[in-house]
Amino acid sequence: MRILSWIAIFSLFTACVTGGQPTQEYVMAKAAYDAAVSHEAAKYAPQIFYKMEKSFKKAELLYKERYFEEARAEFAKAQKLAERAETQARVKEFTSGDAGDY
Protein backbone atom coordinates (compact mmCIF):
# COMPACT_ATOMS: atom_id res chain seq x y z
CA MET A 1 0.00 0.00 0.00
CA ARG A 2 2.84 2.34 0.85
CA ILE A 3 4.45 1.77 -2.53
CA LEU A 4 1.22 2.64 -4.31
CA SER A 5 0.94 5.92 -2.44
CA TRP A 6 4.54 6.81 -3.35
CA ILE A 7 3.86 5.97 -6.97
CA ALA A 8 0.76 8.17 -6.92
CA ILE A 9 2.68 11.07 -5.37
CA PHE A 10 5.54 10.68 -7.84
CA SER A 11 3.11 10.55 -10.78
CA LEU A 12 1.33 13.66 -9.57
CA PHE A 13 4.62 15.52 -9.12
CA THR A 14 5.85 14.48 -12.57
CA ALA A 15 2.60 15.61 -14.19
CA CYS A 16 2.89 19.01 -12.52
CA VAL A 17 6.47 19.50 -13.64
CA THR A 18 5.97 18.51 -17.28
CA GLY A 19 2.69 20.37 -17.75
CA GLY A 20 3.88 23.70 -16.37
CA GLN A 21 3.88 27.15 -17.83
CA PRO A 22 5.66 27.57 -21.18
CA THR A 23 7.95 30.29 -19.82
CA GLN A 24 10.96 29.36 -21.93
CA GLU A 25 8.87 29.24 -25.09
CA TYR A 26 7.39 32.64 -24.23
CA VAL A 27 10.84 34.19 -23.75
CA MET A 28 12.25 32.67 -26.94
CA ALA A 29 9.25 33.74 -29.02
CA LYS A 30 9.39 37.26 -27.55
CA ALA A 31 13.10 37.55 -28.36
CA ALA A 32 12.48 36.42 -31.94
CA TYR A 33 9.51 38.80 -32.19
CA ASP A 34 11.63 41.73 -30.96
CA ALA A 35 14.42 40.88 -33.41
CA ALA A 36 11.93 40.84 -36.30
CA VAL A 37 10.57 44.22 -35.22
CA SER A 38 14.05 45.71 -34.89
CA HIS A 39 14.94 44.60 -38.44
CA GLU A 40 11.78 46.21 -39.84
CA ALA A 41 10.14 42.94 -40.82
CA ALA A 42 6.82 44.78 -41.05
CA LYS A 43 8.29 46.76 -43.96
CA TYR A 44 10.37 44.07 -45.68
CA ALA A 45 8.29 40.93 -44.94
CA PRO A 46 4.77 42.16 -44.21
CA GLN A 47 2.90 38.90 -44.89
CA ILE A 48 5.07 36.83 -42.56
CA PHE A 49 5.15 39.65 -40.01
CA TYR A 50 1.35 39.76 -39.91
CA LYS A 51 1.13 35.99 -39.39
CA MET A 52 3.81 36.17 -36.68
CA GLU A 53 2.05 38.98 -34.86
CA LYS A 54 -1.29 37.16 -34.99
CA SER A 55 0.28 33.93 -33.74
CA PHE A 56 2.17 35.66 -30.91
CA LYS A 57 -0.93 37.50 -29.71
CA LYS A 58 -2.92 34.26 -29.79
CA ALA A 59 -0.19 32.52 -27.77
CA GLU A 60 -0.20 35.31 -25.19
CA LEU A 61 -3.96 35.04 -24.84
CA LEU A 62 -3.78 31.26 -24.42
CA TYR A 63 -1.02 31.74 -21.85
CA LYS A 64 -3.08 34.23 -19.86
CA GLU A 65 -6.08 31.90 -19.97
CA ARG A 66 -3.82 29.09 -18.70
CA TYR A 67 -4.09 26.85 -21.77
CA PHE A 68 -0.40 26.09 -21.47
CA GLU A 69 -0.04 23.25 -23.99
CA GLU A 70 -1.83 25.23 -26.70
CA ALA A 71 0.19 28.33 -25.80
CA ARG A 72 3.42 26.32 -26.00
CA ALA A 73 2.60 25.20 -29.55
CA GLU A 74 1.53 28.69 -30.60
CA PHE A 75 4.70 30.28 -29.15
CA ALA A 76 6.78 27.79 -31.15
CA LYS A 77 4.85 28.73 -34.29
CA ALA A 78 5.27 32.44 -33.58
CA GLN A 79 9.00 31.98 -33.01
CA LYS A 80 9.43 30.19 -36.35
CA LEU A 81 7.49 32.90 -38.16
CA ALA A 82 9.45 35.64 -36.41
CA GLU A 83 12.75 34.05 -37.41
CA ARG A 84 11.55 33.73 -41.01
CA ALA A 85 10.36 37.34 -41.04
CA GLU A 86 13.64 38.60 -39.61
CA THR A 87 15.71 36.60 -42.11
CA GLN A 88 13.63 37.77 -45.05
CA ALA A 89 13.81 41.36 -43.82
CA ARG A 90 17.59 41.18 -43.47
CA VAL A 91 17.98 39.78 -46.98
CA LYS A 92 15.65 42.34 -48.56
CA GLU A 93 17.24 45.16 -46.59
CA PHE A 94 20.70 44.07 -47.69
CA THR A 95 19.80 43.58 -51.35
CA SER A 96 17.94 46.89 -51.55
CA GLY A 97 20.98 48.80 -50.32
CA ASP A 98 19.31 50.03 -47.14
CA ALA A 99 21.66 48.08 -44.91
CA GLY A 100 23.57 50.52 -42.77
CA ASP A 101 25.55 48.33 -40.41
CA TYR A 102 26.64 45.40 -42.59
C-alpha atoms as a PDB file:
ATOM      1  CA  MET A   1       0.000   0.000   0.000  1.00  0.00           C
ATOM      2  CA  ARG A   2       2.836   2.339   0.849  1.00  0.00           C
ATOM      3  CA  ILE A   3       4.450   1.766  -2.530  1.00  0.00           C
ATOM      4  CA  LEU A   4       1.218   2.639  -4.312  1.00  0.00           C
ATOM      5  CA  SER A   5       0.937   5.925  -2.437  1.00  0.00           C
ATOM      6  CA  TRP A   6       4.535   6.812  -3.349  1.00  0.00           C
ATOM      7  CA  ILE A   7       3.859   5.969  -6.974  1.00  0.00           C
ATOM      8  CA  ALA A   8       0.759   8.169  -6.918  1.00  0.00           C
ATOM      9  CA  ILE A   9       2.681  11.072  -5.368  1.00  0.00           C
ATOM     10  CA  PHE A  10       5.539  10.678  -7.842  1.00  0.00           C
ATOM     11  CA  SER A  11       3.112  10.550 -10.785  1.00  0.00           C
ATOM     12  CA  LEU A  12       1.326  13.661  -9.574  1.00  0.00           C
ATOM     13  CA  PHE A  13       4.617  15.516  -9.124  1.00  0.00           C
ATOM     14  CA  THR A  14       5.848  14.481 -12.572  1.00  0.00           C
ATOM     15  CA  ALA A  15       2.596  15.605 -14.191  1.00  0.00           C
ATOM     16  CA  CYS A  16       2.886  19.006 -12.523  1.00  0.00           C
ATOM     17  CA  VAL A  17       6.471  19.500 -13.644  1.00  0.00           C
ATOM     18  CA  THR A  18       5.969  18.508 -17.278  1.00  0.00           C
ATOM     19  CA  GLY A  19       2.688  20.370 -17.745  1.00  0.00           C
ATOM     20  CA  GLY A  20       3.875  23.701 -16.373  1.00  0.00           C
ATOM     21  CA  GLN A  21       3.878  27.145 -17.828  1.00  0.00           C
ATOM     22  CA  PRO A  22       5.665  27.571 -21.182  1.00  0.00           C
ATOM     23  CA  THR A  23       7.947  30.294 -19.818  1.00  0.00           C
ATOM     24  CA  GLN A  24      10.964  29.364 -21.926  1.00  0.00           C
ATOM     25  CA  GLU A  25       8.874  29.238 -25.093  1.00  0.00           C
ATOM     26  CA  TYR A  26       7.395  32.645 -24.232  1.00  0.00           C
ATOM     27  CA  VAL A  27      10.839  34.186 -23.746  1.00  0.00           C
ATOM     28  CA  MET A  28      12.249  32.671 -26.938  1.00  0.00           C
ATOM     29  CA  ALA A  29       9.246  33.738 -29.020  1.00  0.00           C
ATOM     30  CA  LYS A  30       9.388  37.259 -27.552  1.00  0.00           C
ATOM     31  CA  ALA A  31      13.097  37.552 -28.364  1.00  0.00           C
ATOM     32  CA  ALA A  32      12.485  36.422 -31.944  1.00  0.00           C
ATOM     33  CA  TYR A  33       9.511  38.803 -32.186  1.00  0.00           C
ATOM     34  CA  ASP A  34      11.628  41.733 -30.955  1.00  0.00           C
ATOM     35  CA  ALA A  35      14.416  40.877 -33.413  1.00  0.00           C
ATOM     36  CA  ALA A  36      11.929  40.839 -36.301  1.00  0.00           C
ATOM     37  CA  VAL A  37      10.567  44.224 -35.221  1.00  0.00           C
ATOM     38  CA  SER A  38      14.050  45.713 -34.892  1.00  0.00           C
ATOM     39  CA  HIS A  39      14.935  44.598 -38.440  1.00  0.00           C
ATOM     40  CA  GLU A  40      11.782  46.210 -39.840  1.00  0.00           C
ATOM     41  CA  ALA A  41      10.138  42.941 -40.822  1.00  0.00           C
ATOM     42  CA  ALA A  42       6.820  44.783 -41.054  1.00  0.00           C
ATOM     43  CA  LYS A  43       8.294  46.761 -43.961  1.00  0.00           C
ATOM     44  CA  TYR A  44      10.366  44.070 -45.684  1.00  0.00           C
ATOM     45  CA  ALA A  45       8.289  40.926 -44.940  1.00  0.00           C
ATOM     46  CA  PRO A  46       4.767  42.161 -44.212  1.00  0.00           C
ATOM     47  CA  GLN A  47       2.901  38.901 -44.888  1.00  0.00           C
ATOM     48  CA  ILE A  48       5.072  36.831 -42.563  1.00  0.00           C
ATOM     49  CA  PHE A  49       5.153  39.653 -40.014  1.00  0.00           C
ATOM     50  CA  TYR A  50       1.352  39.763 -39.914  1.00  0.00           C
ATOM     51  CA  LYS A  51       1.126  35.989 -39.385  1.00  0.00           C
ATOM     52  CA  MET A  52       3.810  36.175 -36.685  1.00  0.00           C
ATOM     53  CA  GLU A  53       2.046  38.980 -34.860  1.00  0.00           C
ATOM     54  CA  LYS A  54      -1.289  37.163 -34.991  1.00  0.00           C
ATOM     55  CA  SER A  55       0.280  33.934 -33.735  1.00  0.00           C
ATOM     56  CA  PHE A  56       2.173  35.658 -30.910  1.00  0.00           C
ATOM     57  CA  LYS A  57      -0.926  37.501 -29.706  1.00  0.00           C
ATOM     58  CA  LYS A  58      -2.918  34.262 -29.787  1.00  0.00           C
ATOM     59  CA  ALA A  59      -0.186  32.520 -27.772  1.00  0.00           C
ATOM     60  CA  GLU A  60      -0.197  35.310 -25.189  1.00  0.00           C
ATOM     61  CA  LEU A  61      -3.962  35.044 -24.841  1.00  0.00           C
ATOM     62  CA  LEU A  62      -3.778  31.257 -24.421  1.00  0.00           C
ATOM     63  CA  TYR A  63      -1.017  31.736 -21.851  1.00  0.00           C
ATOM     64  CA  LYS A  64      -3.085  34.231 -19.855  1.00  0.00           C
ATOM     65  CA  GLU A  65      -6.079  31.901 -19.967  1.00  0.00           C
ATOM     66  CA  ARG A  66      -3.819  29.086 -18.697  1.00  0.00           C
ATOM     67  CA  TYR A  67      -4.086  26.851 -21.771  1.00  0.00           C
ATOM     68  CA  PHE A  68      -0.400  26.090 -21.474  1.00  0.00           C
ATOM     69  CA  GLU A  69      -0.045  23.250 -23.990  1.00  0.00           C
ATOM     70  CA  GLU A  70      -1.833  25.227 -26.704  1.00  0.00           C
ATOM     71  CA  ALA A  71       0.190  28.325 -25.796  1.00  0.00           C
ATOM     72  CA  ARG A  72       3.420  26.320 -25.995  1.00  0.00           C
ATOM     73  CA  ALA A  73       2.599  25.199 -29.553  1.00  0.00           C
ATOM     74  CA  GLU A  74       1.534  28.695 -30.595  1.00  0.00           C
ATOM     75  CA  PHE A  75       4.701  30.282 -29.151  1.00  0.00           C
ATOM     76  CA  ALA A  76       6.778  27.793 -31.146  1.00  0.00           C
ATOM     77  CA  LYS A  77       4.846  28.727 -34.294  1.00  0.00           C
ATOM     78  CA  ALA A  78       5.267  32.441 -33.584  1.00  0.00           C
ATOM     79  CA  GLN A  79       9.004  31.978 -33.011  1.00  0.00           C
ATOM     80  CA  LYS A  80       9.430  30.185 -36.351  1.00  0.00           C
ATOM     81  CA  LEU A  81       7.486  32.900 -38.158  1.00  0.00           C
ATOM     82  CA  ALA A  82       9.454  35.637 -36.414  1.00  0.00           C
ATOM     83  CA  GLU A  83      12.753  34.052 -37.413  1.00  0.00           C
ATOM     84  CA  ARG A  84      11.546  33.726 -41.008  1.00  0.00           C
ATOM     85  CA  ALA A  85      10.358  37.340 -41.041  1.00  0.00           C
ATOM     86  CA  GLU A  86      13.644  38.595 -39.606  1.00  0.00           C
ATOM     87  CA  THR A  87      15.706  36.602 -42.114  1.00  0.00           C
ATOM     88  CA  GLN A  88      13.626  37.767 -45.051  1.00  0.00           C
ATOM     89  CA  ALA A  89      13.806  41.359 -43.819  1.00  0.00           C
ATOM     90  CA  ARG A  90      17.589  41.183 -43.474  1.00  0.00           C
ATOM     91  CA  VAL A  91      17.984  39.782 -46.981  1.00  0.00           C
ATOM     92  CA  LYS A  92      15.651  42.341 -48.557  1.00  0.00           C
ATOM     93  CA  GLU A  93      17.239  45.164 -46.589  1.00  0.00           C
ATOM     94  CA  PHE A  94      20.704  44.074 -47.688  1.00  0.00           C
ATOM     95  CA  THR A  95      19.801  43.579 -51.351  1.00  0.00           C
ATOM     96  CA  SER A  96      17.942  46.893 -51.546  1.00  0.00           C
ATOM     97  CA  GLY A  97      20.979  48.798 -50.321  1.00  0.00           C
ATOM     98  CA  ASP A  98      19.313  50.033 -47.144  1.00  0.00           C
ATOM     99  CA  ALA A  99      21.664  48.079 -44.911  1.00  0.00           C
ATOM    100  CA  GLY A 100      23.574  50.522 -42.772  1.00  0.00           C
ATOM    101  CA  ASP A 101      25.547  48.328 -40.414  1.00  0.00           C
ATOM    102  CA  TYR A 102      26.636  45.400 -42.593  1.00  0.00           C
END
